[in-house]
Amino acid sequence: MQRVSHIARTELGFDKFDYHSLRHTHATMLAEKGASPKYVQYRLGHKNIQVTMQIYQHLTNKMSTENAQLLELF
């Protein structure tokens, strides 16, 4: 994993890439596909769901658009 991280930073130009970047991406992609927060918490191995929701899972443009469209249903 360290080798891949090193290649990403030095050869591909991802200066801030590290193992935790993959965890953030994994959590966000699961949420974007509709996975429940509890499942994302389980996948990341967090005891506290607040860590999952506040630190690892990020709002994407796709999530914003899809949720805005929900409001149009009213």
Protein backbone atom coordinates (compact mmCIF):
# COMPACT_ATOMS: atom_id res chain seq x y z
CA MET A 1 0.00 0.00 0.00
CA GLN A 2 2.85 2.37 0.78
CA ARG A 3 4.32 1.74 -2.67
CA VAL A 4 1.03 2.59 -4.39
CA SER A 5 0.69 5.69 -2.25
CA HIS A 6 4.24 6.76 -3.15
CA ILE A 7 3.60 6.26 -6.88
CA ALA A 8 0.36 8.24 -6.70
CA ARG A 9 2.15 11.15 -5.03
CA THR A 10 5.38 11.22 -7.02
CA GLU A 11 4.55 9.91 -10.48
CA LEU A 12 0.87 10.83 -10.85
CA GLY A 13 0.99 14.17 -9.04
CA PHE A 14 -1.51 13.43 -6.27
CA ASP A 15 0.32 15.39 -3.59
CA LYS A 16 -2.10 14.71 -0.76
CA PHE A 17 -2.84 11.05 -1.59
CA ASP A 18 -2.58 8.56 1.27
CA TYR A 19 -4.35 5.50 2.64
CA HIS A 20 -7.03 7.60 4.30
CA SER A 21 -7.89 9.16 0.94
CA LEU A 22 -9.07 5.71 -0.14
CA ARG A 23 -11.20 5.38 3.00
CA HIS A 24 -12.84 8.75 2.34
CA THR A 25 -13.46 7.80 -1.30
CA HIS A 26 -14.85 4.38 -0.34
CA ALA A 27 -17.28 5.88 2.19
CA THR A 28 -18.42 8.59 -0.21
CA MET A 29 -18.91 6.21 -3.13
CA LEU A 30 -20.97 3.83 -0.99
CA ALA A 31 -23.17 6.71 0.17
CA GLU A 32 -23.53 8.02 -3.37
CA LYS A 33 -24.80 4.60 -4.48
CA GLY A 34 -27.37 4.58 -1.68
CA ALA A 35 -25.69 2.49 1.00
CA SER A 36 -27.10 3.08 4.46
CA PRO A 37 -24.94 5.08 6.87
CA LYS A 38 -24.90 2.08 9.21
CA TYR A 39 -23.43 -0.11 6.46
CA VAL A 40 -20.77 2.48 5.63
CA GLN A 41 -19.89 2.61 9.34
CA TYR A 42 -19.57 -1.18 9.37
CA ARG A 43 -17.37 -1.22 6.26
CA LEU A 44 -14.98 1.33 7.76
CA GLY A 45 -14.94 -0.38 11.15
CA HIS A 46 -16.02 2.67 13.14
CA LYS A 47 -17.57 2.29 16.58
CA ASN A 48 -19.15 5.73 16.37
CA ILE A 49 -21.29 6.59 13.35
CA GLN A 50 -20.52 10.28 13.86
CA VAL A 51 -16.92 9.62 12.78
CA THR A 52 -18.21 8.02 9.59
CA MET A 53 -20.70 10.76 8.82
CA GLN A 54 -18.71 13.84 9.84
CA ILE A 55 -15.19 12.89 8.77
CA TYR A 56 -15.21 10.19 6.10
CA GLN A 57 -18.39 10.65 4.10
CA HIS A 58 -18.54 13.69 1.83
CA LEU A 59 -21.37 15.30 -0.13
CA THR A 60 -20.87 15.03 -3.89
CA ASN A 61 -22.42 17.05 -6.70
CA LYS A 62 -24.41 13.97 -7.70
CA MET A 63 -25.83 13.64 -4.18
CA SER A 64 -26.76 17.32 -4.11
CA THR A 65 -28.50 17.12 -7.47
CA GLU A 66 -30.42 13.95 -6.64
CA ASN A 67 -31.57 15.30 -3.29
CA ALA A 68 -32.58 18.65 -4.80
CA GLN A 69 -34.73 16.73 -7.27
CA LEU A 70 -36.53 15.10 -4.34
CA LEU A 71 -37.74 18.54 -3.29
CA GLU A 72 -39.27 19.07 -6.70
CA LEU A 73 -41.63 16.15 -6.05
CA PHE A 74 -43.58 18.23 -3.54
